[in-house]
PDB file of N, CA and C in Angstrom:
ATOM      1  N   MET A   1       0.842  -1.189   0.000  1.00  0.00           N
ATOM      2  CA  MET A   1       0.000   0.000   0.000  1.00  0.00           C
ATOM      3  C   MET A   1       0.877   1.238   0.000  1.00  0.00           C
ATOM      4  N   SER A   2       0.815   1.977  -0.991  1.00  0.00           N
ATOM      5  CA  SER A   2       1.532   3.235  -0.974  1.00  0.00           C
ATOM      6  C   SER A   2       0.532   4.341  -1.230  1.00  0.00           C
ATOM      7  N   GLY A   3       0.569   5.281  -0.349  1.00  0.00           N
ATOM      8  CA  GLY A   3      -0.361   6.383  -0.471  1.00  0.00           C
ATOM      9  C   GLY A   3      -0.094   7.391   0.613  1.00  0.00           C
ATOM     10  N   ILE A   4      -0.837   8.427   0.612  1.00  0.00           N
ATOM     11  CA  ILE A   4      -0.665   9.471   1.610  1.00  0.00           C
ATOM     12  C   ILE A   4      -1.106   8.943   2.965  1.00  0.00           C
ATOM     13  N   GLY A   5      -0.267   9.141   3.975  1.00  0.00           N
ATOM     14  CA  GLY A   5      -0.615   8.758   5.337  1.00  0.00           C
ATOM     15  C   GLY A   5      -0.259   7.333   5.704  1.00  0.00           C
ATOM     16  N   THR A   6       0.324   6.564   4.789  1.00  0.00           N
ATOM     17  CA  THR A   6       0.656   5.184   5.114  1.00  0.00           C
ATOM     18  C   THR A   6       2.087   5.029   5.606  1.00  0.00           C
ATOM     19  N   ARG A   7       2.907   6.037   5.444  1.00  0.00           N
ATOM     20  CA  ARG A   7       4.293   5.954   5.919  1.00  0.00           C
ATOM     21  C   ARG A   7       4.333   6.178   7.420  1.00  0.00           C
ATOM     22  N   HIS A   8       5.185   5.445   8.098  1.00  0.00           N
ATOM     23  CA  HIS A   8       5.343   5.663   9.528  1.00  0.00           C
ATOM     24  C   HIS A   8       6.613   6.434   9.799  1.00  0.00           C
ATOM     25  N   LEU A   9       6.785   6.831  11.069  1.00  0.00           N
ATOM     26  CA  LEU A   9       7.864   7.726  11.459  1.00  0.00           C
ATOM     27  C   LEU A   9       9.242   7.178  11.119  1.00  0.00           C
ATOM     28  N   GLY A  10       9.464   5.884  11.270  1.00  0.00           N
ATOM     29  CA  GLY A  10      10.783   5.311  11.058  1.00  0.00           C
ATOM     30  C   GLY A  10      11.031   4.833   9.650  1.00  0.00           C
ATOM     31  N   ALA A  11      10.213   5.191   8.696  1.00  0.00           N
ATOM     32  CA  ALA A  11      10.341   4.676   7.335  1.00  0.00           C
ATOM     33  C   ALA A  11      11.652   5.078   6.679  1.00  0.00           C
ATOM     34  N   GLY A  12      12.202   6.218   7.020  1.00  0.00           N
ATOM     35  CA  GLY A  12      13.435   6.664   6.394  1.00  0.00           C
ATOM     36  C   GLY A  12      14.687   6.124   7.058  1.00  0.00           C
ATOM     37  N   LEU A  13      14.544   5.423   8.180  1.00  0.00           N
ATOM     38  CA  LEU A  13      15.697   4.890   8.898  1.00  0.00           C
ATOM     39  C   LEU A  13      16.100   3.543   8.318  1.00  0.00           C
ATOM     40  N   PRO A  14      17.386   3.200   8.393  1.00  0.00           N
ATOM     41  CA  PRO A  14      17.827   1.888   7.913  1.00  0.00           C
ATOM     42  C   PRO A  14      17.154   0.760   8.692  1.00  0.00           C
ATOM     43  N   ALA A  15      17.030  -0.396   8.057  1.00  0.00           N
ATOM     44  CA  ALA A  15      16.366  -1.539   8.695  1.00  0.00           C
ATOM     45  C   ALA A  15      17.119  -2.003   9.941  1.00  0.00           C
ATOM     46  N   ALA A  16      18.425  -1.727  10.032  1.00  0.00           N
ATOM     47  CA  ALA A  16      19.227  -2.181  11.168  1.00  0.00           C
ATOM     48  C   ALA A  16      18.950  -1.372  12.434  1.00  0.00           C
ATOM     49  N   VAL A  17      18.263  -0.254  12.319  1.00  0.00           N
ATOM     50  CA  VAL A  17      17.969   0.583  13.482  1.00  0.00           C
ATOM     51  C   VAL A  17      16.780  -0.030  14.211  1.00  0.00           C
ATOM     52  N   SER A  18      17.019  -0.464  15.450  1.00  0.00           N
ATOM     53  CA  SER A  18      15.963  -1.128  16.205  1.00  0.00           C
ATOM     54  C   SER A  18      15.024  -0.121  16.846  1.00  0.00           C
ATOM     55  N   LYS A  19      13.919  -0.638  17.379  1.00  0.00           N
ATOM     56  CA  LYS A  19      12.930   0.225  18.021  1.00  0.00           C
ATOM     57  C   LYS A  19      13.535   0.910  19.242  1.00  0.00           C
ATOM     58  N   GLY A  20      14.338   0.196  20.035  1.00  0.00           N
ATOM     59  CA  GLY A  20      14.986   0.790  21.204  1.00  0.00           C
ATOM     60  C   GLY A  20      15.919   1.921  20.830  1.00  0.00           C
ATOM     61  N   THR A  21      16.613   1.768  19.724  1.00  0.00           N
ATOM     62  CA  THR A  21      17.517   2.814  19.253  1.00  0.00           C
ATOM     63  C   THR A  21      16.722   4.042  18.823  1.00  0.00           C
ATOM     64  N   ARG A  22      15.565   3.818  18.209  1.00  0.00           N
ATOM     65  CA  ARG A  22      14.713   4.947  17.810  1.00  0.00           C
ATOM     66  C   ARG A  22      14.210   5.704  19.029  1.00  0.00           C
ATOM     67  N   VAL A  23      13.831   4.955  20.065  1.00  0.00           N
ATOM     68  CA  VAL A  23      13.349   5.599  21.293  1.00  0.00           C
ATOM     69  C   VAL A  23      14.462   6.439  21.904  1.00  0.00           C
ATOM     70  N   LYS A  24      15.663   5.913  21.946  1.00  0.00           N
ATOM     71  CA  LYS A  24      16.802   6.669  22.480  1.00  0.00           C
ATOM     72  C   LYS A  24      17.058   7.916  21.643  1.00  0.00           C
ATOM     73  N   LEU A  25      16.933   7.780  20.339  1.00  0.00           N
ATOM     74  CA  LEU A  25      17.146   8.916  19.446  1.00  0.00           C
ATOM     75  C   LEU A  25      16.099  10.003  19.696  1.00  0.00           C
ATOM     76  N   VAL A  26      14.848   9.597  19.859  1.00  0.00           N
ATOM     77  CA  VAL A  26      13.774  10.564  20.110  1.00  0.00           C
ATOM     78  C   VAL A  26      13.980  11.247  21.459  1.00  0.00           C
ATOM     79  N   LYS A  27      14.370  10.474  22.482  1.00  0.00           N
ATOM     80  CA  LYS A  27      14.624  11.058  23.803  1.00  0.00           C
ATOM     81  C   LYS A  27      15.775  12.055  23.739  1.00  0.00           C
ATOM     82  N   ARG A  28      16.827  11.695  23.028  1.00  0.00           N
ATOM     83  CA  ARG A  28      17.982  12.593  22.895  1.00  0.00           C
ATOM     84  C   ARG A  28      17.592  13.869  22.158  1.00  0.00           C
ATOM     85  N   LEU A  29      16.778  13.729  21.125  1.00  0.00           N
ATOM     86  CA  LEU A  29      16.313  14.889  20.366  1.00  0.00           C
ATOM     87  C   LEU A  29      15.432  15.790  21.241  1.00  0.00           C
ATOM     88  N   ALA A  30      14.534  15.184  22.025  1.00  0.00           N
ATOM     89  CA  ALA A  30      13.656  15.967  22.906  1.00  0.00           C
ATOM     90  C   ALA A  30      14.475  16.707  23.957  1.00  0.00           C
ATOM     91  N   LEU A  31      15.451  16.032  24.544  1.00  0.00           N
ATOM     92  CA  LEU A  31      16.309  16.682  25.537  1.00  0.00           C
ATOM     93  C   LEU A  31      17.083  17.837  24.907  1.00  0.00           C
ATOM     94  N   GLY A  32      17.582  17.640  23.707  1.00  0.00           N
ATOM     95  CA  GLY A  32      18.296  18.698  23.008  1.00  0.00           C
ATOM     96  C   GLY A  32      17.408  19.903  22.744  1.00  0.00           C
ATOM     97  N   LEU A  33      16.158  19.650  22.356  1.00  0.00           N
ATOM     98  CA  LEU A  33      15.229  20.750  22.119  1.00  0.00           C
ATOM     99  C   LEU A  33      14.918  21.513  23.405  1.00  0.00           C
ATOM    100  N   VAL A  34      14.787  20.787  24.525  1.00  0.00           N
ATOM    101  CA  VAL A  34      14.537  21.444  25.816  1.00  0.00           C
ATOM    102  C   VAL A  34      15.723  22.317  26.201  1.00  0.00           C
ATOM    103  N   VAL A  35      16.935  21.814  26.011  1.00  0.00           N
ATOM    104  CA  VAL A  35      18.133  22.583  26.350  1.00  0.00           C
ATOM    105  C   VAL A  35      18.236  23.826  25.465  1.00  0.00           C
ATOM    106  N   VAL A  36      17.976  23.671  24.179  1.00  0.00           N
ATOM    107  CA  VAL A  36      18.035  24.822  23.271  1.00  0.00           C
ATOM    108  C   VAL A  36      16.984  25.860  23.663  1.00  0.00           C
ATOM    109  N   PHE A  37      15.763  25.404  23.996  1.00  0.00           N
ATOM    110  CA  PHE A  37      14.723  26.336  24.415  1.00  0.00           C
ATOM    111  C   PHE A  37      15.122  27.050  25.701  1.00  0.00           C
ATOM    112  N   ALA A  38      15.691  26.306  26.664  1.00  0.00           N
ATOM    113  CA  ALA A  38      16.108  26.922  27.931  1.00  0.00           C
ATOM    114  C   ALA A  38      17.186  27.982  27.686  1.00  0.00           C
ATOM    115  N   LEU A  39      18.152  27.672  26.836  1.00  0.00           N
ATOM    116  CA  LEU A  39      19.199  28.651  26.524  1.00  0.00           C
ATOM    117  C   LEU A  39      18.612  29.878  25.816  1.00  0.00           C
ATOM    118  N   PHE A  40      17.704  29.642  24.874  1.00  0.00           N
ATOM    119  CA  PHE A  40      17.064  30.756  24.178  1.00  0.00           C
ATOM    120  C   PHE A  40      16.303  31.639  25.165  1.00  0.00           C
ATOM    121  N   TYR A  41      15.562  31.018  26.063  1.00  0.00           N
ATOM    122  CA  TYR A  41      14.781  31.750  27.063  1.00  0.00           C
ATOM    123  C   TYR A  41      15.709  32.533  27.987  1.00  0.00           C
ATOM    124  N   MET A  42      16.818  31.900  28.383  1.00  0.00           N
ATOM    125  CA  MET A  42      17.769  32.552  29.288  1.00  0.00           C
ATOM    126  C   MET A  42      18.443  33.748  28.611  1.00  0.00           C
ATOM    127  N   ILE A  43      18.720  33.639  27.333  1.00  0.00           N
ATOM    128  CA  ILE A  43      19.394  34.726  26.620  1.00  0.00           C
ATOM    129  C   ILE A  43      18.430  35.865  26.302  1.00  0.00           C
ATOM    130  N   THR A  44      17.206  35.525  25.899  1.00  0.00           N
ATOM    131  CA  THR A  44      16.275  36.567  25.478  1.00  0.00           C
ATOM    132  C   THR A  44      15.536  37.213  26.649  1.00  0.00           C
ATOM    133  N   ARG A  45      15.306  36.483  27.751  1.00  0.00           N
ATOM    134  CA  ARG A  45      14.573  37.018  28.903  1.00  0.00           C
ATOM    135  C   ARG A  45      15.246  36.560  30.195  1.00  0.00           C
ATOM    136  N   PRO A  46      16.433  37.083  30.503  1.00  0.00           N
ATOM    137  CA  PRO A  46      17.187  36.584  31.653  1.00  0.00           C
ATOM    138  C   PRO A  46      16.484  36.790  32.995  1.00  0.00           C
ATOM    139  N   GLU A  47      15.768  37.892  33.158  1.00  0.00           N
ATOM    140  CA  GLU A  47      15.090  38.129  34.437  1.00  0.00           C
ATOM    141  C   GLU A  47      13.982  37.110  34.653  1.00  0.00           C
ATOM    142  N   ASP A  48      13.204  36.850  33.613  1.00  0.00           N
ATOM    143  CA  ASP A  48      12.130  35.863  33.714  1.00  0.00           C
ATOM    144  C   ASP A  48      12.684  34.458  33.937  1.00  0.00           C
ATOM    145  N   ALA A  49      13.810  34.147  33.286  1.00  0.00           N
ATOM    146  CA  ALA A  49      14.430  32.839  33.476  1.00  0.00           C
ATOM    147  C   ALA A  49      14.912  32.686  34.916  1.00  0.00           C
ATOM    148  N   ALA A  50      15.497  33.740  35.477  1.00  0.00           N
ATOM    149  CA  ALA A  50      15.959  33.685  36.867  1.00  0.00           C
ATOM    150  C   ALA A  50      14.783  33.500  37.821  1.00  0.00           C
ATOM    151  N   THR A  51      13.686  34.176  37.553  1.00  0.00           N
ATOM    152  CA  THR A  51      12.491  34.030  38.379  1.00  0.00           C
ATOM    153  C   THR A  51      11.957  32.597  38.310  1.00  0.00           C
ATOM    154  N   ALA A  52      11.969  32.008  37.119  1.00  0.00           N
ATOM    155  CA  ALA A  52      11.510  30.630  36.953  1.00  0.00           C
ATOM    156  C   ALA A  52      12.398  29.659  37.725  1.00  0.00           C
ATOM    157  N   VAL A  53      13.712  29.866  37.662  1.00  0.00           N
ATOM    158  CA  VAL A  53      14.634  28.992  38.395  1.00  0.00           C
ATOM    159  C   VAL A  53      14.449  29.162  39.896  1.00  0.00           C
ATOM    160  N   GLU A  54      14.294  30.400  40.356  1.00  0.00           N
ATOM    161  CA  GLU A  54      14.046  30.625  41.791  1.00  0.00           C
ATOM    162  C   GLU A  54      12.778  29.920  42.246  1.00  0.00           C
ATOM    163  N   GLY A  55      11.737  29.983  41.441  1.00  0.00           N
ATOM    164  CA  GLY A  55      10.492  29.304  41.778  1.00  0.00           C
ATOM    165  C   GLY A  55      10.655  27.797  41.824  1.00  0.00           C
ATOM    166  N   ALA A  56      11.398  27.237  40.880  1.00  0.00           N
ATOM    167  CA  ALA A  56      11.624  25.789  40.850  1.00  0.00           C
ATOM    168  C   ALA A  56      12.441  25.339  42.056  1.00  0.00           C
ATOM    169  N   VAL A  57      13.476  26.096  42.392  1.00  0.00           N
ATOM    170  CA  VAL A  57      14.304  25.756  43.557  1.00  0.00           C
ATOM    171  C   VAL A  57      13.472  25.879  44.833  1.00  0.00           C
ATOM    172  N   GLY A  58      12.650  26.916  44.934  1.00  0.00           N
ATOM    173  CA  GLY A  58      11.782  27.075  46.095  1.00  0.00           C
ATOM    174  C   GLY A  58      10.804  25.918  46.226  1.00  0.00           C
ATOM    175  N   ALA A  59      10.274  25.445  45.110  1.00  0.00           N
ATOM    176  CA  ALA A  59       9.342  24.307  45.136  1.00  0.00           C
ATOM    177  C   ALA A  59      10.044  23.041  45.605  1.00  0.00           C
ATOM    178  N   VAL A  60      11.277  22.831  45.167  1.00  0.00           N
ATOM    179  CA  VAL A  60      12.025  21.640  45.599  1.00  0.00           C
ATOM    180  C   VAL A  60      12.310  21.713  47.098  1.00  0.00           C
ATOM    181  N   PHE A  61      12.738  22.873  47.586  1.00  0.00           N
ATOM    182  CA  PHE A  61      12.999  23.012  49.023  1.00  0.00           C
ATOM    183  C   PHE A  61      11.715  22.860  49.834  1.00  0.00           C
ATOM    184  N   GLY A  62      10.617  23.403  49.334  1.00  0.00           N
ATOM    185  CA  GLY A  62       9.338  23.259  50.023  1.00  0.00           C
ATOM    186  C   GLY A  62       8.893  21.810  50.090  1.00  0.00           C
ATOM    187  N   ALA A  63       9.056  21.076  48.994  1.00  0.00           N
ATOM    188  CA  ALA A  63       8.695  19.661  48.975  1.00  0.00           C
ATOM    189  C   ALA A  63       9.582  18.853  49.914  1.00  0.00           C
ATOM    190  N   THR A  64      10.869  19.170  49.943  1.00  0.00           N
ATOM    191  CA  THR A  64      11.793  18.473  50.842  1.00  0.00           C
ATOM    192  C   THR A  64      11.413  18.722  52.294  1.00  0.00           C
ATOM    193  N   GLU A  65      11.068  19.948  52.609  1.00  0.00           N
ATOM    194  CA  GLU A  65      10.654  20.291  53.969  1.00  0.00           C
ATOM    195  C   GLU A  65       9.366  19.548  54.337  1.00  0.00           C
ATOM    196  N   ALA A  66       8.421  19.463  53.414  1.00  0.00           N
ATOM    197  CA  ALA A  66       7.165  18.771  53.681  1.00  0.00           C
ATOM    198  C   ALA A  66       7.392  17.280  53.924  1.00  0.00           C
ATOM    199  N   VAL A  67       8.278  16.668  53.147  1.00  0.00           N
ATOM    200  CA  VAL A  67       8.594  15.248  53.353  1.00  0.00           C
ATOM    201  C   VAL A  67       9.257  15.055  54.718  1.00  0.00           C
ATOM    202  N   GLY A  68      10.144  15.964  55.083  1.00  0.00           N
ATOM    203  CA  GLY A  68      10.782  15.887  56.402  1.00  0.00           C
ATOM    204  C   GLY A  68       9.771  16.000  57.532  1.00  0.00           C
ATOM    205  N   ARG A  69       8.826  16.918  57.396  1.00  0.00           N
ATOM    206  CA  ARG A  69       7.773  17.056  58.419  1.00  0.00           C
ATOM    207  C   ARG A  69       6.925  15.796  58.489  1.00  0.00           C
ATOM    208  N   PHE A  70       6.641  15.186  57.340  1.00  0.00           N
ATOM    209  CA  PHE A  70       5.856  13.955  57.304  1.00  0.00           C
ATOM    210  C   PHE A  70       6.542  12.862  58.103  1.00  0.00           C
ATOM    211  N   PHE A  71       7.829  12.631  57.822  1.00  0.00           N
ATOM    212  CA  PHE A  71       8.533  11.570  58.533  1.00  0.00           C
ATOM    213  C   PHE A  71       8.717  11.896  60.011  1.00  0.00           C
ATOM    214  N   SER A  72       8.883  13.166  60.330  1.00  0.00           N
ATOM    215  CA  SER A  72       8.966  13.566  61.741  1.00  0.00           C
ATOM    216  C   SER A  72       7.659  13.264  62.469  1.00  0.00           C
ATOM    217  N   SER A  73       6.534  13.513  61.809  1.00  0.00           N
ATOM    218  CA  SER A  73       5.254  13.249  62.452  1.00  0.00           C
ATOM    219  C   SER A  73       5.003  11.746  62.582  1.00  0.00           C
ATOM    220  N   LEU A  74       5.599  10.916  61.725  1.00  0.00           N
ATOM    221  CA  LEU A  74       5.465   9.477  61.889  1.00  0.00           C
ATOM    222  C   LEU A  74       6.223   8.978  63.115  1.00  0.00           C
ATOM    223  N   VAL A  75       7.346   9.583  63.406  1.00  0.00           N
ATOM    224  CA  VAL A  75       8.187   9.152  64.522  1.00  0.00           C
ATOM    225  C   VAL A  75       7.561   9.565  65.842  1.00  0.00           C
ATOM    226  N   THR A  76       6.936  10.721  65.899  1.00  0.00           N
ATOM    227  CA  THR A  76       6.373  11.191  67.171  1.00  0.00           C
ATOM    228  C   THR A  76       5.017  10.642  67.447  1.00  0.00           C
TER     229      THR A  76
END
């Protein structure tokens, strides 16, 4: 069957490329796109990027504190 919409994503890859290798390739590509977007955001809007990082770090510290309080309340 050859027609519009019948080709799948891996059709252009060699037959020796396994499904696991394709998944790794897609993950690597997605990570690369995230890094490029983060760098672009940091360069074009540094104040907003700093605010986002501060918020993320604050959320991690808040979650860590909450987990600590949880385990403390289990002990008492």
